[in-house]
């Protein structure tokens, strides 16, 4: 190849390469949005493995030995994150008793619980394997009427809710929660689209329920938003250092809300759970 041909090709290709490497303005990172010492957080969703007062629950035998073995396998994967602080769905008022129970489990991992749930079965084991010494609850109880739709006789929007439930049925048939291995179920529970659907089901869908000039559904949804905001406020009251690493285990809807809060927080660095759930 002659030098002139090489130069011509280079000049012809150059603009194409520059164009291909151009990043759209809306995708450019123009702000620094995290502190230099932002604390890594692994925010993990789970179904409730024991009794739950939630409107929906997953059929799961927490006493079954095979199920407990599967939980321990997942705990080992998640413990590779090496958290120093464990955060669970429990009231902060229970922290002292919970810490004593957790440390007792760490010293006696064969300890049996009469009615174990995801906290004793999974969060404790992640903490034990990672040698964490701190555990905190961030829950806040606040009721709301998620069945308010049945109490409104003439809603302004008569179609969106029923259409969404049909869409949900379609998605659940394609991604069944029943009859699949525990590990597959756990991954499904942490899929971003699954988490987003939980916010719709538990809160945002209520904003389509109202009568003309009112906001009955939104008023109820606001209570659930408030509950999760207070839970995040509780997280922010935990004393942390730049060397800490936080593992959070909660029901999926709370996890979904925390995903948004943590992404925007300058204080925390949200870690991708699928870095550990291969």
C-alpha atoms as a PDB file:
ATOM      1  CA  UNK A   1       0.000   0.000   0.000  1.00  0.00           C
ATOM      2  CA  UNK A   2       1.354   3.407  -0.979  1.00  0.00           C
ATOM      3  CA  UNK A   3       1.697   6.146   1.597  1.00  0.00           C
ATOM      4  CA  UNK A   4      -0.856   8.350  -0.206  1.00  0.00           C
ATOM      5  CA  UNK A   5      -3.439   5.531  -0.196  1.00  0.00           C
ATOM      6  CA  UNK A   6      -2.791   4.864   3.479  1.00  0.00           C
ATOM      7  CA  UNK A   7      -3.315   8.550   4.309  1.00  0.00           C
ATOM      8  CA  UNK A   8      -6.498   8.653   2.237  1.00  0.00           C
ATOM      9  CA  UNK A   9      -7.900   5.617   4.010  1.00  0.00           C
ATOM     10  CA  UNK A  10      -6.941   7.038   7.360  1.00  0.00           C
ATOM     11  CA  UNK A  11      -8.634  10.335   6.607  1.00  0.00           C
ATOM     12  CA  UNK A  12     -11.722   8.530   5.389  1.00  0.00           C
ATOM     13  CA  UNK A  13     -11.961   6.227   8.380  1.00  0.00           C
ATOM     14  CA  UNK A  14     -11.062   8.825  11.039  1.00  0.00           C
ATOM     15  CA  UNK A  15     -14.384  10.702  11.078  1.00  0.00           C
ATOM     16  CA  UNK A  16     -16.282   7.407  11.254  1.00  0.00           C
ATOM     17  CA  UNK A  17     -14.310   6.345  14.313  1.00  0.00           C
ATOM     18  CA  UNK A  18     -14.846   9.712  15.970  1.00  0.00           C
ATOM     19  CA  UNK A  19     -18.564   9.542  15.246  1.00  0.00           C
ATOM     20  CA  UNK A  20     -18.807   5.999  16.589  1.00  0.00           C
ATOM     21  CA  UNK A  21     -17.159   7.043  19.835  1.00  0.00           C
ATOM     22  CA  UNK A  22     -19.391  10.063  20.408  1.00  0.00           C
ATOM     23  CA  UNK A  23     -21.502   9.633  23.549  1.00  0.00           C
ATOM     24  CA  UNK A  24     -24.983  11.207  23.512  1.00  0.00           C
ATOM     25  CA  UNK A  25     -25.136  14.173  25.867  1.00  0.00           C
ATOM     26  CA  UNK A  26     -27.843  12.607  28.028  1.00  0.00           C
ATOM     27  CA  UNK A  27     -25.585   9.582  28.629  1.00  0.00           C
ATOM     28  CA  UNK A  28     -22.531  11.610  29.624  1.00  0.00           C
ATOM     29  CA  UNK A  29     -21.644  11.735  33.295  1.00  0.00           C
ATOM     30  CA  UNK A  30     -21.568  15.487  33.958  1.00  0.00           C
ATOM     31  CA  UNK A  31     -21.890  15.438  37.772  1.00  0.00           C
ATOM     32  CA  UNK A  32     -19.860  13.745  40.437  1.00  0.00           C
ATOM     33  CA  UNK A  33     -22.676  12.201  42.482  1.00  0.00           C
ATOM     34  CA  UNK A  34     -20.852  10.052  45.059  1.00  0.00           C
ATOM     35  CA  UNK A  35     -18.569  10.967  47.935  1.00  0.00           C
ATOM     36  CA  UNK A  36     -15.013   9.676  47.646  1.00  0.00           C
ATOM     37  CA  UNK A  37     -15.630   7.563  50.747  1.00  0.00           C
ATOM     38  CA  UNK A  38     -19.085   6.286  49.709  1.00  0.00           C
ATOM     39  CA  UNK A  39     -19.934   3.048  51.520  1.00  0.00           C
ATOM     40  CA  UNK A  40     -20.561  -0.069  49.358  1.00  0.00           C
ATOM     41  CA  UNK A  41     -24.031  -1.559  49.842  1.00  0.00           C
ATOM     42  CA  UNK A  42     -25.347  -4.922  48.651  1.00  0.00           C
ATOM     43  CA  UNK A  43     -29.139  -4.509  48.623  1.00  0.00           C
ATOM     44  CA  UNK A  44     -30.765  -7.950  48.420  1.00  0.00           C
ATOM     45  CA  UNK A  45     -34.414  -8.902  47.990  1.00  0.00           C
ATOM     46  CA  UNK A  46     -36.034 -11.988  49.431  1.00  0.00           C
ATOM     47  CA  UNK A  47     -39.491 -13.431  49.870  1.00  0.00           C
ATOM     48  CA  UNK A  48     -40.514 -13.886  53.501  1.00  0.00           C
ATOM     49  CA  UNK A  49     -39.478 -17.400  54.523  1.00  0.00           C
ATOM     50  CA  UNK A  50     -41.596 -17.599  57.662  1.00  0.00           C
ATOM     51  CA  UNK A  51     -44.930 -16.110  58.705  1.00  0.00           C
ATOM     52  CA  UNK A  52     -45.735 -12.805  57.055  1.00  0.00           C
ATOM     53  CA  UNK A  53     -48.580 -10.327  57.390  1.00  0.00           C
ATOM     54  CA  UNK A  54     -48.039  -9.277  53.754  1.00  0.00           C
ATOM     55  CA  UNK A  55     -50.996  -9.588  51.398  1.00  0.00           C
ATOM     56  CA  UNK A  56     -49.116 -12.134  49.280  1.00  0.00           C
ATOM     57  CA  UNK A  57     -46.610 -14.784  50.288  1.00  0.00           C
ATOM     58  CA  UNK A  58     -44.504 -17.551  48.766  1.00  0.00           C
ATOM     59  CA  UNK A  59     -45.185 -21.184  49.574  1.00  0.00           C
ATOM     60  CA  UNK A  60     -41.947 -22.248  51.277  1.00  0.00           C
ATOM     61  CA  UNK A  61     -41.152 -24.741  54.045  1.00  0.00           C
ATOM     62  CA  UNK A  62     -38.476 -23.029  56.139  1.00  0.00           C
ATOM     63  CA  UNK A  63     -38.066 -26.186  58.255  1.00  0.00           C
ATOM     64  CA  UNK A  64     -37.202 -28.436  55.296  1.00  0.00           C
ATOM     65  CA  UNK A  65     -33.553 -29.492  55.461  1.00  0.00           C
ATOM     66  CA  UNK A  66     -33.031 -29.282  51.697  1.00  0.00           C
ATOM     67  CA  UNK A  67     -34.407 -25.738  51.654  1.00  0.00           C
ATOM     68  CA  UNK A  68     -32.090 -24.754  54.492  1.00  0.00           C
ATOM     69  CA  UNK A  69     -29.122 -26.207  52.609  1.00  0.00           C
ATOM     70  CA  UNK A  70     -30.068 -24.198  49.518  1.00  0.00           C
ATOM     71  CA  UNK A  71     -30.287 -21.043  51.622  1.00  0.00           C
ATOM     72  CA  UNK A  72     -26.788 -21.692  52.989  1.00  0.00           C
ATOM     73  CA  UNK A  73     -25.437 -22.010  49.437  1.00  0.00           C
ATOM     74  CA  UNK A  74     -26.876 -18.594  48.561  1.00  0.00           C
ATOM     75  CA  UNK A  75     -25.555 -17.179  51.848  1.00  0.00           C
ATOM     76  CA  UNK A  76     -22.055 -18.337  50.909  1.00  0.00           C
ATOM     77  CA  UNK A  77     -22.289 -16.537  47.555  1.00  0.00           C
ATOM     78  CA  UNK A  78     -23.519 -13.310  49.141  1.00  0.00           C
ATOM     79  CA  UNK A  79     -20.949 -13.479  51.959  1.00  0.00           C
ATOM     80  CA  UNK A  80     -18.228 -13.046  49.324  1.00  0.00           C
ATOM     81  CA  UNK A  81     -19.214  -9.358  49.443  1.00  0.00           C
ATOM     82  CA  UNK A  82     -17.619  -9.382  52.936  1.00  0.00           C
ATOM     83  CA  UNK A  83     -20.074  -7.086  54.725  1.00  0.00           C
ATOM     84  CA  UNK A  84     -19.152  -5.577  58.078  1.00  0.00           C
ATOM     85  CA  UNK A  85     -22.741  -4.514  58.849  1.00  0.00           C
ATOM     86  CA  UNK A  86     -25.928  -6.542  58.401  1.00  0.00           C
ATOM     87  CA  UNK A  87     -29.233  -4.679  57.959  1.00  0.00           C
ATOM     88  CA  UNK A  88     -32.582  -6.466  58.151  1.00  0.00           C
ATOM     89  CA  UNK A  89     -36.319  -5.860  58.146  1.00  0.00           C
ATOM     90  CA  UNK A  90     -36.813  -5.488  61.887  1.00  0.00           C
ATOM     91  CA  UNK A  91     -37.664  -2.603  64.196  1.00  0.00           C
ATOM     92  CA  UNK A  92     -34.689  -0.573  65.486  1.00  0.00           C
ATOM     93  CA  UNK A  93     -36.134  -0.977  68.990  1.00  0.00           C
ATOM     94  CA  UNK A  94     -35.170  -4.660  68.778  1.00  0.00           C
ATOM     95  CA  UNK A  95     -31.501  -4.016  67.942  1.00  0.00           C
ATOM     96  CA  UNK A  96     -30.016  -4.988  71.310  1.00  0.00           C
ATOM     97  CA  UNK A  97     -31.876  -8.292  71.532  1.00  0.00           C
ATOM     98  CA  UNK A  98     -31.276  -8.995  67.846  1.00  0.00           C
ATOM     99  CA  UNK A  99     -27.527  -8.398  68.171  1.00  0.00           C
ATOM    100  CA  UNK A 100     -27.288 -10.789  71.126  1.00  0.00           C
ATOM    101  CA  UNK A 101     -29.193 -13.452  69.176  1.00  0.00           C
ATOM    102  CA  UNK A 102     -27.070 -12.936  66.066  1.00  0.00           C
ATOM    103  CA  UNK A 103     -23.771 -13.188  67.947  1.00  0.00           C
ATOM    104  CA  UNK A 104     -25.035 -16.312  69.705  1.00  0.00           C
ATOM    105  CA  UNK A 105     -25.789 -17.839  66.296  1.00  0.00           C
ATOM    106  CA  UNK A 106     -22.314 -16.916  65.052  1.00  0.00           C
ATOM    107  CA  UNK A 107     -20.829 -18.840  67.986  1.00  0.00           C
ATOM    108  CA  UNK A 108     -23.329 -21.699  67.632  1.00  0.00           C
ATOM    109  CA  UNK A 109     -24.310 -22.057  63.943  1.00  0.00           C
ATOM    110  CA  UNK A 110     -26.127 -25.326  64.688  1.00  0.00           C
ATOM    111  CA  UNK A 111     -28.619 -23.346  66.788  1.00  0.00           C
ATOM    112  CA  UNK A 112     -32.227 -24.237  66.033  1.00  0.00           C
ATOM    113  CA  UNK A 113     -35.105 -21.756  65.807  1.00  0.00           C
ATOM    114  CA  UNK A 114     -38.730 -22.695  66.364  1.00  0.00           C
ATOM    115  CA  UNK A 115     -40.013 -20.399  63.632  1.00  0.00           C
ATOM    116  CA  UNK A 116     -37.035 -19.180  61.556  1.00  0.00           C
ATOM    117  CA  UNK A 117     -37.413 -16.708  58.743  1.00  0.00           C
ATOM    118  CA  UNK A 118     -35.056 -15.088  56.235  1.00  0.00           C
ATOM    119  CA  UNK A 119     -33.314 -13.143  58.991  1.00  0.00           C
ATOM    120  CA  UNK A 120     -32.182 -16.178  60.976  1.00  0.00           C
ATOM    121  CA  UNK A 121     -31.773 -18.467  57.961  1.00  0.00           C
ATOM    122  CA  UNK A 122     -30.018 -16.154  55.517  1.00  0.00           C
ATOM    123  CA  UNK A 123     -28.957 -12.815  57.026  1.00  0.00           C
ATOM    124  CA  UNK A 124     -27.393 -14.454  60.100  1.00  0.00           C
ATOM    125  CA  UNK A 125     -25.473 -16.920  57.954  1.00  0.00           C
ATOM    126  CA  UNK A 126     -24.157 -14.185  55.642  1.00  0.00           C
ATOM    127  CA  UNK A 127     -23.024 -12.276  58.728  1.00  0.00           C
ATOM    128  CA  UNK A 128     -21.412 -15.335  60.288  1.00  0.00           C
ATOM    129  CA  UNK A 129     -19.481 -16.249  57.149  1.00  0.00           C
ATOM    130  CA  UNK A 130     -18.255 -12.675  56.679  1.00  0.00           C
ATOM    131  CA  UNK A 131     -17.396 -12.226  60.395  1.00  0.00           C
ATOM    132  CA  UNK A 132     -19.705  -9.217  60.708  1.00  0.00           C
ATOM    133  CA  UNK A 133     -20.216  -8.032  64.270  1.00  0.00           C
ATOM    134  CA  UNK A 134     -23.059  -5.552  63.770  1.00  0.00           C
ATOM    135  CA  UNK A 135     -26.695  -6.054  62.851  1.00  0.00           C
ATOM    136  CA  UNK A 136     -29.450  -3.440  62.703  1.00  0.00           C
ATOM    137  CA  UNK A 137     -33.153  -3.286  61.951  1.00  0.00           C
ATOM    138  CA  UNK A 138     -34.539  -0.424  59.872  1.00  0.00           C
ATOM    139  CA  UNK A 139     -38.223  -1.301  59.650  1.00  0.00           C
ATOM    140  CA  UNK A 140     -41.036   1.153  60.291  1.00  0.00           C
ATOM    141  CA  UNK A 141     -44.642   0.047  60.546  1.00  0.00           C
ATOM    142  CA  UNK A 142     -47.336   2.044  58.794  1.00  0.00           C
ATOM    143  CA  UNK A 143     -50.556   0.606  57.460  1.00  0.00           C
ATOM    144  CA  UNK A 144     -52.367   1.621  54.305  1.00  0.00           C
ATOM    145  CA  UNK A 145     -55.397   0.419  52.368  1.00  0.00           C
ATOM    146  CA  UNK A 146     -54.117  -1.267  49.211  1.00  0.00           C
ATOM    147  CA  UNK A 147     -57.637  -2.641  48.610  1.00  0.00           C
ATOM    148  CA  UNK A 148     -59.147   0.828  48.340  1.00  0.00           C
ATOM    149  CA  UNK A 149     -60.075   0.148  44.720  1.00  0.00           C
ATOM    150  CA  UNK A 150     -62.903  -2.067  45.870  1.00  0.00           C
ATOM    151  CA  UNK A 151     -64.357   0.814  47.894  1.00  0.00           C
ATOM    152  CA  UNK A 152     -64.609   3.302  45.021  1.00  0.00           C
ATOM    153  CA  UNK A 153     -67.790   2.912  43.005  1.00  0.00           C
ATOM    154  CA  UNK A 154     -67.109   5.229  40.083  1.00  0.00           C
ATOM    155  CA  UNK A 155     -63.351   5.561  39.385  1.00  0.00           C
ATOM    156  CA  UNK A 156     -62.201   8.111  36.823  1.00  0.00           C
ATOM    157  CA  UNK A 157     -59.896   5.504  35.223  1.00  0.00           C
ATOM    158  CA  UNK A 158     -61.845   2.300  34.676  1.00  0.00           C
ATOM    159  CA  UNK A 159     -59.309   0.292  32.647  1.00  0.00           C
ATOM    160  CA  UNK A 160     -55.674   0.682  33.744  1.00  0.00           C
ATOM    161  CA  UNK A 161     -55.794  -1.452  36.886  1.00  0.00           C
ATOM    162  CA  UNK A 162     -57.545  -4.413  35.253  1.00  0.00           C
ATOM    163  CA  UNK A 163     -55.223  -4.202  32.241  1.00  0.00           C
ATOM    164  CA  UNK A 164     -52.210  -4.214  34.530  1.00  0.00           C
ATOM    165  CA  UNK A 165     -53.403  -7.304  36.390  1.00  0.00           C
ATOM    166  CA  UNK A 166     -53.789  -9.073  33.039  1.00  0.00           C
ATOM    167  CA  UNK A 167     -50.236  -8.039  32.162  1.00  0.00           C
ATOM    168  CA  UNK A 168     -49.064  -9.289  35.549  1.00  0.00           C
ATOM    169  CA  UNK A 169     -50.774 -12.661  35.004  1.00  0.00           C
ATOM    170  CA  UNK A 170     -48.999 -12.945  31.643  1.00  0.00           C
ATOM    171  CA  UNK A 171     -45.623 -12.189  33.200  1.00  0.00           C
ATOM    172  CA  UNK A 172     -46.163 -14.607  36.081  1.00  0.00           C
ATOM    173  CA  UNK A 173     -47.017 -17.431  33.695  1.00  0.00           C
ATOM    174  CA  UNK A 174     -43.776 -16.777  31.806  1.00  0.00           C
ATOM    175  CA  UNK A 175     -41.795 -16.483  35.040  1.00  0.00           C
ATOM    176  CA  UNK A 176     -43.469 -18.783  37.605  1.00  0.00           C
ATOM    177  CA  UNK A 177     -42.442 -18.486  41.233  1.00  0.00           C
ATOM    178  CA  UNK A 178     -43.847 -21.849  42.242  1.00  0.00           C
ATOM    179  CA  UNK A 179     -42.143 -25.123  41.404  1.00  0.00           C
ATOM    180  CA  UNK A 180     -38.720 -23.724  40.516  1.00  0.00           C
ATOM    181  CA  UNK A 181     -35.395 -24.300  42.340  1.00  0.00           C
ATOM    182  CA  UNK A 182     -34.690 -21.987  45.263  1.00  0.00           C
ATOM    183  CA  UNK A 183     -31.686 -20.383  43.570  1.00  0.00           C
ATOM    184  CA  UNK A 184     -33.739 -19.556  40.454  1.00  0.00           C
ATOM    185  CA  UNK A 185     -36.485 -18.098  42.623  1.00  0.00           C
ATOM    186  CA  UNK A 186     -33.957 -15.983  44.500  1.00  0.00           C
ATOM    187  CA  UNK A 187     -32.535 -14.610  41.248  1.00  0.00           C
ATOM    188  CA  UNK A 188     -36.036 -13.854  39.977  1.00  0.00           C
ATOM    189  CA  UNK A 189     -36.799 -11.956  43.184  1.00  0.00           C
ATOM    190  CA  UNK A 190     -33.767  -9.734  42.539  1.00  0.00           C
ATOM    191  CA  UNK A 191     -34.297  -9.065  38.841  1.00  0.00           C
ATOM    192  CA  UNK A 192     -34.666  -5.292  38.251  1.00  0.00           C
ATOM    193  CA  UNK A 193     -37.942  -5.663  36.341  1.00  0.00           C
ATOM    194  CA  UNK A 194     -39.388  -7.902  39.057  1.00  0.00           C
ATOM    195  CA  UNK A 195     -38.496  -5.317  41.695  1.00  0.00           C
ATOM    196  CA  UNK A 196     -40.056  -2.511  39.660  1.00  0.00           C
ATOM    197  CA  UNK A 197     -43.256  -4.551  39.344  1.00  0.00           C
ATOM    198  CA  UNK A 198     -43.448  -4.795  43.143  1.00  0.00           C
ATOM    199  CA  UNK A 199     -43.557  -1.007  43.454  1.00  0.00           C
ATOM    200  CA  UNK A 200     -46.380  -0.984  40.911  1.00  0.00           C
ATOM    201  CA  UNK A 201     -48.323  -3.706  42.711  1.00  0.00           C
ATOM    202  CA  UNK A 202     -47.872  -2.283  46.200  1.00  0.00           C
ATOM    203  CA  UNK A 203     -48.011   1.453  45.557  1.00  0.00           C
ATOM    204  CA  UNK A 204     -48.020   3.082  42.141  1.00  0.00           C
ATOM    205  CA  UNK A 205     -51.022   1.179  40.819  1.00  0.00           C
ATOM    206  CA  UNK A 206     -53.091   2.942  43.469  1.00  0.00           C
ATOM    207  CA  UNK A 207     -52.524   6.269  41.703  1.00  0.00           C
ATOM    208  CA  UNK A 208     -54.903   5.066  38.953  1.00  0.00           C
ATOM    209  CA  UNK A 209     -57.660   4.616  41.533  1.00  0.00           C
ATOM    210  CA  UNK A 210     -59.587   7.823  42.194  1.00  0.00           C
ATOM    211  CA  UNK A 211     -62.840   9.617  41.650  1.00  0.00           C
ATOM    212  CA  UNK A 212     -63.052  12.885  39.722  1.00  0.00           C
ATOM    213  CA  UNK A 213     -61.214  15.680  41.526  1.00  0.00           C
ATOM    214  CA  UNK A 214     -59.906  13.421  44.316  1.00  0.00           C
ATOM    215  CA  UNK A 215     -56.845  11.232  44.924  1.00  0.00           C
ATOM    216  CA  UNK A 216     -58.030   8.384  47.159  1.00  0.00           C
ATOM    217  CA  UNK A 217     -55.543   5.823  45.844  1.00  0.00           C
ATOM    218  CA  UNK A 218     -52.591   8.200  45.774  1.00  0.00           C
ATOM    219  CA  UNK A 219     -53.285   9.195  49.371  1.00  0.00           C
ATOM    220  CA  UNK A 220     -52.958   5.546  50.409  1.00  0.00           C
ATOM    221  CA  UNK A 221     -49.876   4.954  48.242  1.00  0.00           C
ATOM    222  CA  UNK A 222     -48.224   7.966  49.892  1.00  0.00           C
ATOM    223  CA  UNK A 223     -48.375   6.143  53.214  1.00  0.00           C
ATOM    224  CA  UNK A 224     -46.375   3.255  51.784  1.00  0.00           C
ATOM    225  CA  UNK A 225     -43.882   5.662  50.230  1.00  0.00           C
ATOM    226  CA  UNK A 226     -43.598   7.343  53.634  1.00  0.00           C
ATOM    227  CA  UNK A 227     -42.940   4.002  55.324  1.00  0.00           C
ATOM    228  CA  UNK A 228     -40.030   3.283  52.989  1.00  0.00           C
ATOM    229  CA  UNK A 229     -38.623   6.794  53.329  1.00  0.00           C
ATOM    230  CA  UNK A 230     -38.601   6.414  57.111  1.00  0.00           C
ATOM    231  CA  UNK A 231     -36.881   3.029  56.718  1.00  0.00           C
ATOM    232  CA  UNK A 232     -34.190   4.695  54.615  1.00  0.00           C
ATOM    233  CA  UNK A 233     -33.910   7.422  57.240  1.00  0.00           C
ATOM    234  CA  UNK A 234     -33.345   4.651  59.799  1.00  0.00           C
ATOM    235  CA  UNK A 235     -30.529   3.301  57.643  1.00  0.00           C
ATOM    236  CA  UNK A 236     -28.946   6.752  57.623  1.00  0.00           C
ATOM    237  CA  UNK A 237     -28.933   6.789  61.416  1.00  0.00           C
ATOM    238  CA  UNK A 238     -26.538   3.832  61.552  1.00  0.00           C
ATOM    239  CA  UNK A 239     -23.001   4.986  62.272  1.00  0.00           C
ATOM    240  CA  UNK A 240     -20.686   3.871  59.453  1.00  0.00           C
ATOM    241  CA  UNK A 241     -17.088   4.460  58.440  1.00  0.00           C
ATOM    242  CA  UNK A 242     -15.409   4.450  55.034  1.00  0.00           C
ATOM    243  CA  UNK A 243     -14.169   0.901  55.700  1.00  0.00           C
ATOM    244  CA  UNK A 244     -17.668  -0.514  56.275  1.00  0.00           C
ATOM    245  CA  UNK A 245     -19.576  -2.649  53.791  1.00  0.00           C
ATOM    246  CA  UNK A 246     -23.336  -2.990  54.274  1.00  0.00           C
ATOM    247  CA  UNK A 247     -25.473  -6.015  53.444  1.00  0.00           C
ATOM    248  CA  UNK A 248     -29.234  -5.325  53.398  1.00  0.00           C
ATOM    249  CA  UNK A 249     -31.822  -8.108  53.322  1.00  0.00           C
ATOM    250  CA  UNK A 250     -35.514  -7.188  53.133  1.00  0.00           C
ATOM    251  CA  UNK A 251     -38.742  -8.082  51.392  1.00  0.00           C
ATOM    252  CA  UNK A 252     -38.633  -7.296  47.700  1.00  0.00           C
ATOM    253  CA  UNK A 253     -40.764  -4.143  47.678  1.00  0.00           C
ATOM    254  CA  UNK A 254     -38.594  -2.462  50.314  1.00  0.00           C
ATOM    255  CA  UNK A 255     -35.522  -3.545  48.337  1.00  0.00           C
ATOM    256  CA  UNK A 256     -37.013  -1.949  45.223  1.00  0.00           C
ATOM    257  CA  UNK A 257     -37.541   1.382  46.983  1.00  0.00           C
ATOM    258  CA  UNK A 258     -34.033   1.219  48.462  1.00  0.00           C
ATOM    259  CA  UNK A 259     -32.572   0.605  44.994  1.00  0.00           C
ATOM    260  CA  UNK A 260     -33.773   4.067  43.971  1.00  0.00           C
ATOM    261  CA  UNK A 261     -32.725   5.716  47.226  1.00  0.00           C
ATOM    262  CA  UNK A 262     -29.264   4.148  47.145  1.00  0.00           C
ATOM    263  CA  UNK A 263     -28.649   5.034  43.485  1.00  0.00           C
ATOM    264  CA  UNK A 264     -29.234   8.701  44.234  1.00  0.00           C
ATOM    265  CA  UNK A 265     -27.502   8.740  47.610  1.00  0.00           C
ATOM    266  CA  UNK A 266     -24.070  10.408  47.670  1.00  0.00           C
ATOM    267  CA  UNK A 267     -23.266   8.443  50.824  1.00  0.00           C
ATOM    268  CA  UNK A 268     -23.683   4.908  49.440  1.00  0.00           C
ATOM    269  CA  UNK A 269     -22.375   2.974  46.453  1.00  0.00           C
ATOM    270  CA  UNK A 270     -24.939   0.446  45.251  1.00  0.00           C
ATOM    271  CA  UNK A 271     -23.331  -2.890  44.352  1.00  0.00           C
ATOM    272  CA  UNK A 272     -24.872  -5.134  41.687  1.00  0.00           C
ATOM    273  CA  UNK A 273     -26.280  -8.213  43.420  1.00  0.00           C
ATOM    274  CA  UNK A 274     -25.735 -10.234  40.234  1.00  0.00           C
ATOM    275  CA  UNK A 275     -21.998  -9.832  40.716  1.00  0.00           C
ATOM    276  CA  UNK A 276     -22.591 -12.449  43.426  1.00  0.00           C
ATOM    277  CA  UNK A 277     -25.627 -14.309  42.084  1.00  0.00           C
ATOM    278  CA  UNK A 278     -23.904 -15.677  38.991  1.00  0.00           C
END
